[in-house]
Amino acid sequence: MFQVGEVSRRLGLNPQTLYFYERIGLMPSPKRTAAGYRLYEQPDLDRLSFITQAKALGLSLDDIKDLLILQDGQQLSCQDVYDRLLKKVQHIDDMIHQLQTLKAQLNPLLNQCQRSLAQTSTGQQCVVFQQHPLVTSTEPLHSLSLHNREELNHDPQG
């Protein structure tokens, strides 16, 4: 059995993150000592490790919650599980396509910056965006919303 401090040290999580995960239902309420201290067991650490890894891969906390519900066997048929997992994989494929499109738009700018750096002094004003607007595609990255892009980079809860 592990107390909050030990769990947070082992997994590199802020203790407040553990409380938050419990509050939003990602983690079940742990056992408690007579004094009220939370006690975590190895399966709890495994679950927290999964949550951390899934977040690192860009899944939202809602996505992770859905996967954990499926794993916990919440009376879902095989078809329900299949449908949810297929939807998640399709969403990931869409995001990969959108990120590849963005990368394809940024790479020429990066190359031009590199050429400019080789030809001019480092303090000179960069004119790359004046010469090549960022969005040149007729297929904008509309479904990769600002929220989703921020989610890929930052989650204040740990």
N, C-alpha and C. Protein backbone atom coordinates (compact mmCIF):
# COMPACT_ATOMS: atom_id res chain seq x y z
N MET A 1 0.84 -1.18 0.00
CA MET A 1 0.00 0.00 0.00
C MET A 1 0.89 1.25 0.00
N PHE A 2 0.46 2.23 -0.78
CA PHE A 2 1.25 3.44 -0.95
C PHE A 2 0.40 4.66 -0.60
N GLN A 3 0.99 5.61 0.10
CA GLN A 3 0.31 6.86 0.38
C GLN A 3 0.55 7.83 -0.78
N VAL A 4 -0.19 8.93 -0.78
CA VAL A 4 -0.15 9.90 -1.88
C VAL A 4 1.27 10.36 -2.20
N GLY A 5 2.04 10.67 -1.19
CA GLY A 5 3.41 11.15 -1.42
C GLY A 5 4.26 10.15 -2.17
N GLU A 6 4.16 8.88 -1.79
CA GLU A 6 4.94 7.83 -2.46
C GLU A 6 4.47 7.65 -3.90
N VAL A 7 3.16 7.66 -4.11
CA VAL A 7 2.62 7.51 -5.46
C VAL A 7 3.08 8.67 -6.34
N SER A 8 3.00 9.88 -5.82
CA SER A 8 3.39 11.04 -6.63
C SER A 8 4.88 11.00 -6.95
N ARG A 9 5.71 10.55 -6.01
CA ARG A 9 7.16 10.43 -6.28
C ARG A 9 7.43 9.35 -7.33
N ARG A 10 6.79 8.20 -7.19
CA ARG A 10 7.03 7.08 -8.12
C ARG A 10 6.61 7.42 -9.54
N LEU A 11 5.48 8.12 -9.69
CA LEU A 11 4.94 8.39 -11.03
C LEU A 11 5.22 9.80 -11.53
N GLY A 12 5.83 10.63 -10.70
CA GLY A 12 6.13 11.99 -11.12
C GLY A 12 4.87 12.84 -11.28
N LEU A 13 3.89 12.60 -10.45
CA LEU A 13 2.63 13.35 -10.51
C LEU A 13 2.51 14.26 -9.30
N ASN A 14 1.88 15.38 -9.51
CA ASN A 14 1.56 16.28 -8.41
C ASN A 14 0.46 15.62 -7.57
N PRO A 15 0.56 15.65 -6.25
CA PRO A 15 -0.51 15.07 -5.44
C PRO A 15 -1.90 15.62 -5.77
N GLN A 16 -1.97 16.89 -6.13
CA GLN A 16 -3.26 17.48 -6.50
C GLN A 16 -3.85 16.81 -7.73
N THR A 17 -2.99 16.31 -8.60
CA THR A 17 -3.45 15.59 -9.79
C THR A 17 -4.17 14.31 -9.38
N LEU A 18 -3.64 13.61 -8.38
CA LEU A 18 -4.29 12.40 -7.89
C LEU A 18 -5.69 12.70 -7.36
N TYR A 19 -5.80 13.78 -6.59
CA TYR A 19 -7.11 14.16 -6.05
C TYR A 19 -8.07 14.54 -7.18
N PHE A 20 -7.53 15.25 -8.17
CA PHE A 20 -8.34 15.67 -9.31
C PHE A 20 -8.86 14.45 -10.07
N TYR A 21 -8.00 13.48 -10.34
CA TYR A 21 -8.42 12.27 -11.05
C TYR A 21 -9.50 11.52 -10.28
N GLU A 22 -9.39 11.51 -8.98
CA GLU A 22 -10.43 10.88 -8.16
C GLU A 22 -11.74 11.66 -8.26
N ARG A 23 -11.63 12.98 -8.18
CA ARG A 23 -12.82 13.85 -8.24
C ARG A 23 -13.58 13.70 -9.55
N ILE A 24 -12.87 13.56 -10.68
CA ILE A 24 -13.55 13.48 -11.98
C ILE A 24 -13.86 12.04 -12.39
N GLY A 25 -13.53 11.08 -11.54
CA GLY A 25 -13.91 9.70 -11.81
C GLY A 25 -12.92 8.88 -12.61
N LEU A 26 -11.72 9.41 -12.86
CA LEU A 26 -10.70 8.59 -13.55
C LEU A 26 -10.14 7.53 -12.61
N MET A 27 -10.10 7.86 -11.35
CA MET A 27 -9.60 6.93 -10.33
C MET A 27 -10.71 6.65 -9.34
N PRO A 28 -10.85 5.39 -8.95
CA PRO A 28 -11.82 5.08 -7.89
C PRO A 28 -11.32 5.63 -6.56
N SER A 29 -12.22 5.85 -5.64
CA SER A 29 -11.81 6.31 -4.31
C SER A 29 -10.94 5.23 -3.67
N PRO A 30 -9.73 5.61 -3.24
CA PRO A 30 -8.85 4.61 -2.66
C PRO A 30 -9.26 4.26 -1.23
N LYS A 31 -8.69 3.17 -0.75
CA LYS A 31 -8.87 2.82 0.66
C LYS A 31 -8.25 3.92 1.50
N ARG A 32 -8.64 3.98 2.77
CA ARG A 32 -8.09 5.00 3.66
C ARG A 32 -7.65 4.38 4.97
N THR A 33 -6.67 5.03 5.57
CA THR A 33 -6.24 4.61 6.90
C THR A 33 -7.27 5.11 7.91
N ALA A 34 -7.10 4.70 9.14
CA ALA A 34 -8.00 5.17 10.20
C ALA A 34 -7.93 6.69 10.34
N ALA A 35 -6.78 7.26 10.02
CA ALA A 35 -6.61 8.71 10.09
C ALA A 35 -7.11 9.42 8.84
N GLY A 36 -7.58 8.67 7.84
CA GLY A 36 -8.13 9.27 6.64
C GLY A 36 -7.17 9.43 5.48
N TYR A 37 -5.93 8.96 5.62
CA TYR A 37 -4.97 9.06 4.52
C TYR A 37 -5.32 8.06 3.43
N ARG A 38 -5.20 8.51 2.19
CA ARG A 38 -5.48 7.63 1.04
C ARG A 38 -4.39 6.58 0.93
N LEU A 39 -4.81 5.35 0.60
CA LEU A 39 -3.87 4.25 0.38
C LEU A 39 -4.12 3.66 -0.99
N TYR A 40 -3.06 3.63 -1.80
CA TYR A 40 -3.15 3.11 -3.16
C TYR A 40 -2.47 1.75 -3.23
N GLU A 41 -3.03 0.87 -4.05
CA GLU A 41 -2.45 -0.45 -4.27
C GLU A 41 -1.82 -0.48 -5.66
N GLN A 42 -1.12 -1.56 -5.98
CA GLN A 42 -0.43 -1.66 -7.27
C GLN A 42 -1.38 -1.48 -8.46
N PRO A 43 -2.60 -2.05 -8.45
CA PRO A 43 -3.50 -1.80 -9.58
C PRO A 43 -3.82 -0.30 -9.77
N ASP A 44 -3.85 0.45 -8.66
CA ASP A 44 -4.08 1.90 -8.76
C ASP A 44 -2.90 2.57 -9.45
N LEU A 45 -1.68 2.14 -9.09
CA LEU A 45 -0.49 2.69 -9.74
C LEU A 45 -0.46 2.35 -11.23
N ASP A 46 -0.87 1.13 -11.56
CA ASP A 46 -0.93 0.73 -12.96
C ASP A 46 -1.93 1.60 -13.73
N ARG A 47 -3.08 1.86 -13.12
CA ARG A 47 -4.10 2.70 -13.75
C ARG A 47 -3.58 4.12 -13.93
N LEU A 48 -2.92 4.67 -12.90
CA LEU A 48 -2.35 6.01 -13.01
C LEU A 48 -1.26 6.07 -14.08
N SER A 49 -0.49 5.02 -14.19
CA SER A 49 0.55 4.95 -15.22
C SER A 49 -0.09 4.96 -16.61
N PHE A 50 -1.18 4.20 -16.78
CA PHE A 50 -1.90 4.21 -18.06
C PHE A 50 -2.41 5.60 -18.38
N ILE A 51 -2.99 6.28 -17.40
CA ILE A 51 -3.53 7.63 -17.61
C ILE A 51 -2.41 8.56 -18.05
N THR A 52 -1.27 8.48 -17.38
CA THR A 52 -0.14 9.34 -17.71
C THR A 52 0.36 9.08 -19.13
N GLN A 53 0.47 7.81 -19.49
CA GLN A 53 0.93 7.46 -20.84
C GLN A 53 -0.07 7.91 -21.90
N ALA A 54 -1.36 7.71 -21.63
CA ALA A 54 -2.39 8.11 -22.60
C ALA A 54 -2.40 9.62 -22.79
N LYS A 55 -2.21 10.37 -21.71
CA LYS A 55 -2.13 11.83 -21.82
C LYS A 55 -0.92 12.24 -22.65
N ALA A 56 0.20 11.56 -22.44
CA ALA A 56 1.42 11.86 -23.19
C ALA A 56 1.22 11.62 -24.68
N LEU A 57 0.31 10.70 -25.03
CA LEU A 57 0.02 10.42 -26.44
C LEU A 57 -1.01 11.38 -27.02
N GLY A 58 -1.50 12.30 -26.20
CA GLY A 58 -2.42 13.31 -26.71
C GLY A 58 -3.89 13.03 -26.47
N LEU A 59 -4.22 11.98 -25.74
CA LEU A 59 -5.63 11.71 -25.47
C LEU A 59 -6.14 12.68 -24.40
N SER A 60 -7.36 13.11 -24.56
CA SER A 60 -7.97 13.99 -23.56
C SER A 60 -8.37 13.16 -22.35
N LEU A 61 -8.62 13.83 -21.25
CA LEU A 61 -9.06 13.12 -20.06
C LEU A 61 -10.40 12.44 -20.29
N ASP A 62 -11.27 13.04 -21.10
CA ASP A 62 -12.55 12.40 -21.44
C ASP A 62 -12.32 11.13 -22.24
N ASP A 63 -11.39 11.16 -23.19
CA ASP A 63 -11.06 9.96 -23.96
C ASP A 63 -10.53 8.86 -23.05
N ILE A 64 -9.66 9.25 -22.15
CA ILE A 64 -9.08 8.28 -21.22
C ILE A 64 -10.16 7.69 -20.33
N LYS A 65 -11.06 8.55 -19.89
CA LYS A 65 -12.17 8.08 -19.04
C LYS A 65 -13.01 7.04 -19.79
N ASP A 66 -13.29 7.32 -21.06
CA ASP A 66 -14.06 6.38 -21.88
C ASP A 66 -13.35 5.03 -21.98
N LEU A 67 -12.04 5.07 -22.23
CA LEU A 67 -11.27 3.83 -22.35
C LEU A 67 -11.27 3.06 -21.03
N LEU A 68 -11.15 3.78 -19.93
CA LEU A 68 -11.15 3.11 -18.63
C LEU A 68 -12.51 2.50 -18.31
N ILE A 69 -13.57 3.18 -18.72
CA ILE A 69 -14.92 2.64 -18.52
C ILE A 69 -15.06 1.34 -19.31
N LEU A 70 -14.57 1.35 -20.54
CA LEU A 70 -14.61 0.14 -21.35
C LEU A 70 -13.82 -0.98 -20.67
N GLN A 71 -12.64 -0.63 -20.19
CA GLN A 71 -11.78 -1.63 -19.55
C GLN A 71 -12.43 -2.18 -18.29
N ASP A 72 -13.12 -1.32 -17.56
CA ASP A 72 -13.74 -1.74 -16.30
C ASP A 72 -14.98 -2.59 -16.53
N GLY A 73 -15.39 -2.76 -17.80
CA GLY A 73 -16.50 -3.64 -18.13
C GLY A 73 -17.84 -3.14 -17.66
N GLN A 74 -18.18 -1.95 -18.07
CA GLN A 74 -19.42 -1.33 -17.65
C GLN A 74 -20.62 -1.84 -18.44
N GLN A 75 -20.79 -3.15 -18.51
CA GLN A 75 -21.96 -3.75 -19.14
C GLN A 75 -22.12 -3.37 -20.61
N LEU A 76 -21.02 -3.28 -21.33
CA LEU A 76 -21.09 -2.95 -22.74
C LEU A 76 -20.92 -4.22 -23.58
N SER A 77 -21.67 -4.28 -24.66
CA SER A 77 -21.54 -5.42 -25.56
C SER A 77 -20.24 -5.28 -26.36
N CYS A 78 -19.84 -6.36 -26.99
CA CYS A 78 -18.65 -6.32 -27.85
C CYS A 78 -18.84 -5.29 -28.97
N GLN A 79 -20.05 -5.17 -29.48
CA GLN A 79 -20.32 -4.20 -30.53
C GLN A 79 -20.13 -2.78 -30.02
N ASP A 80 -20.58 -2.50 -28.79
CA ASP A 80 -20.39 -1.17 -28.20
C ASP A 80 -18.91 -0.85 -28.06
N VAL A 81 -18.14 -1.80 -27.56
CA VAL A 81 -16.71 -1.60 -27.39
C VAL A 81 -16.06 -1.38 -28.75
N TYR A 82 -16.39 -2.21 -29.72
CA TYR A 82 -15.84 -2.09 -31.07
C TYR A 82 -16.15 -0.71 -31.65
N ASP A 83 -17.41 -0.28 -31.55
CA ASP A 83 -17.81 1.01 -32.11
C ASP A 83 -17.04 2.16 -31.48
N ARG A 84 -16.89 2.13 -30.17
CA ARG A 84 -16.17 3.21 -29.49
C ARG A 84 -14.69 3.22 -29.85
N LEU A 85 -14.09 2.05 -29.87
CA LEU A 85 -12.67 1.99 -30.22
C LEU A 85 -12.44 2.38 -31.67
N LEU A 86 -13.32 1.97 -32.56
CA LEU A 86 -13.20 2.34 -33.97
C LEU A 86 -13.32 3.86 -34.13
N LYS A 87 -14.26 4.46 -33.44
CA LYS A 87 -14.43 5.92 -33.50
C LYS A 87 -13.16 6.62 -33.01
N LYS A 88 -12.56 6.12 -31.95
CA LYS A 88 -11.33 6.72 -31.42
C LYS A 88 -10.19 6.57 -32.43
N VAL A 89 -10.05 5.40 -33.04
CA VAL A 89 -8.98 5.19 -34.03
C VAL A 89 -9.19 6.10 -35.24
N GLN A 90 -10.44 6.27 -35.68
CA GLN A 90 -10.73 7.16 -36.80
C GLN A 90 -10.39 8.61 -36.44
N HIS A 91 -10.69 9.00 -35.21
CA HIS A 91 -10.36 10.35 -34.76
C HIS A 91 -8.84 10.54 -34.75
N ILE A 92 -8.12 9.55 -34.29
CA ILE A 92 -6.65 9.63 -34.27
C ILE A 92 -6.11 9.71 -35.70
N ASP A 93 -6.67 8.92 -36.61
CA ASP A 93 -6.25 8.98 -38.02
C ASP A 93 -6.50 10.38 -38.60
N ASP A 94 -7.64 10.98 -38.27
CA ASP A 94 -7.95 12.34 -38.74
C ASP A 94 -6.93 13.33 -38.19
N MET A 95 -6.60 13.21 -36.92
CA MET A 95 -5.63 14.12 -36.32
C MET A 95 -4.25 13.95 -36.95
N ILE A 96 -3.86 12.71 -37.22
CA ILE A 96 -2.57 12.46 -37.86
C ILE A 96 -2.54 13.12 -39.23
N HIS A 97 -3.62 12.98 -40.00
CA HIS A 97 -3.69 13.60 -41.32
C HIS A 97 -3.58 15.13 -41.20
N GLN A 98 -4.29 15.70 -40.27
CA GLN A 98 -4.26 17.15 -40.09
C GLN A 98 -2.88 17.63 -39.66
N LEU A 99 -2.24 16.89 -38.77
CA LEU A 99 -0.90 17.27 -38.34
C LEU A 99 0.11 17.12 -39.47
N GLN A 100 -0.06 16.10 -40.31
CA GLN A 100 0.83 15.95 -41.46
C GLN A 100 0.64 17.10 -42.44
N THR A 101 -0.60 17.55 -42.61
CA THR A 101 -0.87 18.70 -43.48
C THR A 101 -0.20 19.95 -42.93
N LEU A 102 -0.31 20.16 -41.63
CA LEU A 102 0.33 21.31 -41.00
C LEU A 102 1.85 21.23 -41.14
N LYS A 103 2.40 20.04 -40.94
CA LYS A 103 3.84 19.85 -41.09
C LYS A 103 4.27 20.18 -42.53
N ALA A 104 3.48 19.73 -43.49
CA ALA A 104 3.80 20.00 -44.90
C ALA A 104 3.78 21.50 -45.19
N GLN A 105 2.93 22.25 -44.49
CA GLN A 105 2.89 23.70 -44.67
C GLN A 105 4.06 24.38 -43.98
N LEU A 106 4.52 23.83 -42.86
CA LEU A 106 5.59 24.46 -42.10
C LEU A 106 6.98 24.13 -42.63
N ASN A 107 7.18 22.95 -43.20
CA ASN A 107 8.50 22.55 -43.67
C ASN A 107 9.10 23.50 -44.71
N PRO A 108 8.34 23.94 -45.73
CA PRO A 108 8.94 24.90 -46.67
C PRO A 108 9.36 26.21 -46.00
N LEU A 109 8.58 26.64 -45.01
CA LEU A 109 8.93 27.86 -44.28
C LEU A 109 10.22 27.65 -43.48
N LEU A 110 10.32 26.50 -42.86
CA LEU A 110 11.53 26.16 -42.11
C LEU A 110 12.74 26.14 -43.04
N ASN A 111 12.58 25.54 -44.20
CA ASN A 111 13.69 25.49 -45.16
C ASN A 111 14.08 26.88 -45.63
N GLN A 112 13.09 27.73 -45.88
CA GLN A 112 13.40 29.09 -46.31
C GLN A 112 14.11 29.86 -45.20
N CYS A 113 13.69 29.68 -43.98
CA CYS A 113 14.37 30.33 -42.85
C CYS A 113 15.82 29.88 -42.78
N GLN A 114 16.03 28.60 -42.97
CA GLN A 114 17.39 28.07 -42.91
C GLN A 114 18.25 28.69 -44.01
N ARG A 115 17.68 28.81 -45.22
CA ARG A 115 18.43 29.44 -46.33
C ARG A 115 18.71 30.91 -46.01
N SER A 116 17.73 31.60 -45.46
CA SER A 116 17.91 33.01 -45.11
C SER A 116 18.97 33.19 -44.05
N LEU A 117 18.99 32.31 -43.07
CA LEU A 117 19.99 32.41 -42.01
C LEU A 117 21.40 32.24 -42.57
N ALA A 118 21.54 31.40 -43.57
CA ALA A 118 22.86 31.17 -44.18
C ALA A 118 23.33 32.37 -44.99
N GLN A 119 22.36 33.21 -45.45
CA GLN A 119 22.71 34.32 -46.34
C GLN A 119 22.77 35.66 -45.63
N THR A 120 22.14 35.81 -44.47
CA THR A 120 22.06 37.12 -43.83
C THR A 120 22.53 37.05 -42.38
N SER A 121 22.57 38.21 -41.76
CA SER A 121 22.94 38.26 -40.34
C SER A 121 21.75 37.80 -39.50
N THR A 122 22.04 37.31 -38.32
CA THR A 122 21.00 36.71 -37.48
C THR A 122 20.01 37.73 -36.95
N GLY A 123 20.35 39.00 -36.89
CA GLY A 123 19.45 40.01 -36.36
C GLY A 123 18.47 40.58 -37.37
N GLN A 124 18.54 40.18 -38.61
CA GLN A 124 17.70 40.74 -39.66
C GLN A 124 16.25 40.27 -39.49
N GLN A 125 15.32 41.17 -39.82
CA GLN A 125 13.89 40.85 -39.75
C GLN A 125 13.55 39.72 -40.71
N CYS A 126 12.79 38.74 -40.20
CA CYS A 126 12.40 37.59 -41.03
C CYS A 126 11.19 37.97 -41.89
N VAL A 127 11.28 37.66 -43.18
CA VAL A 127 10.19 38.01 -44.10
C VAL A 127 9.50 36.76 -44.67
N VAL A 128 9.74 35.62 -44.07
CA VAL A 128 9.20 34.37 -44.59
C VAL A 128 7.69 34.42 -44.70
N PHE A 129 7.00 34.90 -43.67
CA PHE A 129 5.54 34.90 -43.70
C PHE A 129 4.99 35.95 -44.67
N GLN A 130 5.77 36.99 -44.95
CA GLN A 130 5.34 37.96 -45.95
C GLN A 130 5.39 37.35 -47.35
N GLN A 131 6.38 36.52 -47.59
CA GLN A 131 6.56 35.90 -48.91
C GLN A 131 5.68 34.68 -49.10
N HIS A 132 5.41 33.96 -48.00
CA HIS A 132 4.63 32.71 -48.07
C HIS A 132 3.63 32.66 -46.92
N PRO A 133 2.37 32.99 -47.19
CA PRO A 133 1.38 32.90 -46.11
C PRO A 133 1.29 31.47 -45.59
N LEU A 134 1.00 31.35 -44.31
CA LEU A 134 0.98 30.03 -43.68
C LEU A 134 -0.10 29.13 -44.27
N VAL A 135 -1.32 29.62 -44.42
CA VAL A 135 -2.41 28.79 -44.91
C VAL A 135 -2.54 29.00 -46.41
N THR A 136 -2.03 28.03 -47.17
CA THR A 136 -2.11 28.12 -48.62
C THR A 136 -3.02 27.04 -49.17
N SER A 137 -3.34 26.08 -48.33
CA SER A 137 -4.17 24.95 -48.76
C SER A 137 -5.63 25.37 -48.82
N THR A 138 -6.37 24.75 -49.73
CA THR A 138 -7.81 24.99 -49.79
C THR A 138 -8.52 24.15 -48.75
N GLU A 139 -7.78 23.24 -48.10
CA GLU A 139 -8.36 22.40 -47.04
C GLU A 139 -7.79 22.87 -45.71
N PRO A 140 -8.50 23.82 -45.04
CA PRO A 140 -7.97 24.33 -43.77
C PRO A 140 -8.01 23.26 -42.68
N LEU A 141 -7.26 23.50 -41.66
CA LEU A 141 -7.19 22.55 -40.55
C LEU A 141 -8.34 22.83 -39.58
N HIS A 142 -9.56 22.87 -40.11
CA HIS A 142 -10.71 23.28 -39.30
C HIS A 142 -11.06 22.30 -38.20
N SER A 143 -10.93 21.02 -38.41
CA SER A 143 -11.37 20.09 -37.38
C SER A 143 -10.31 19.87 -36.31
N LEU A 144 -9.08 20.34 -36.53
CA LEU A 144 -8.10 20.33 -35.46
C LEU A 144 -8.23 21.67 -34.77
N SER A 145 -9.23 21.76 -33.91
CA SER A 145 -9.57 23.03 -33.27
C SER A 145 -8.44 23.51 -32.38
N LEU A 146 -8.52 24.77 -32.01
CA LEU A 146 -7.53 25.34 -31.12
C LEU A 146 -7.49 24.54 -29.82
N HIS A 147 -8.65 24.14 -29.33
CA HIS A 147 -8.70 23.35 -28.10
C HIS A 147 -7.92 22.06 -28.24
N ASN A 148 -8.11 21.35 -29.35
CA ASN A 148 -7.40 20.09 -29.56
C ASN A 148 -5.90 20.30 -29.69
N ARG A 149 -5.50 21.38 -30.38
CA ARG A 149 -4.08 21.64 -30.53
C ARG A 149 -3.46 21.97 -29.18
N GLU A 150 -4.16 22.76 -28.35
CA GLU A 150 -3.64 23.08 -27.02
C GLU A 150 -3.57 21.82 -26.17
N GLU A 151 -4.54 20.95 -26.31
CA GLU A 151 -4.59 19.71 -25.55
C GLU A 151 -3.37 18.85 -25.85
N LEU A 152 -2.91 18.87 -27.09
CA LEU A 152 -1.74 18.09 -27.46
C LEU A 152 -0.49 18.59 -26.73
N ASN A 153 -0.49 19.88 -26.41
CA ASN A 153 0.71 20.49 -25.86
C ASN A 153 0.66 20.73 -24.36
N HIS A 154 -0.55 20.85 -23.77
CA HIS A 154 -0.60 21.30 -22.40
C HIS A 154 -1.86 20.78 -21.72
N ASP A 155 -1.69 20.27 -20.54
CA ASP A 155 -2.83 19.91 -19.69
C ASP A 155 -2.44 20.34 -18.28
N PRO A 156 -3.10 21.37 -17.73
CA PRO A 156 -2.69 21.91 -16.46
C PRO A 156 -2.87 20.96 -15.29
N GLN A 157 -3.53 19.84 -15.49
CA GLN A 157 -3.78 18.93 -14.38
C GLN A 157 -2.72 17.86 -14.22
N GLY A 158 -1.55 18.05 -14.75
CA GLY A 158 -0.50 17.08 -14.46
C GLY A 158 0.20 16.62 -15.64
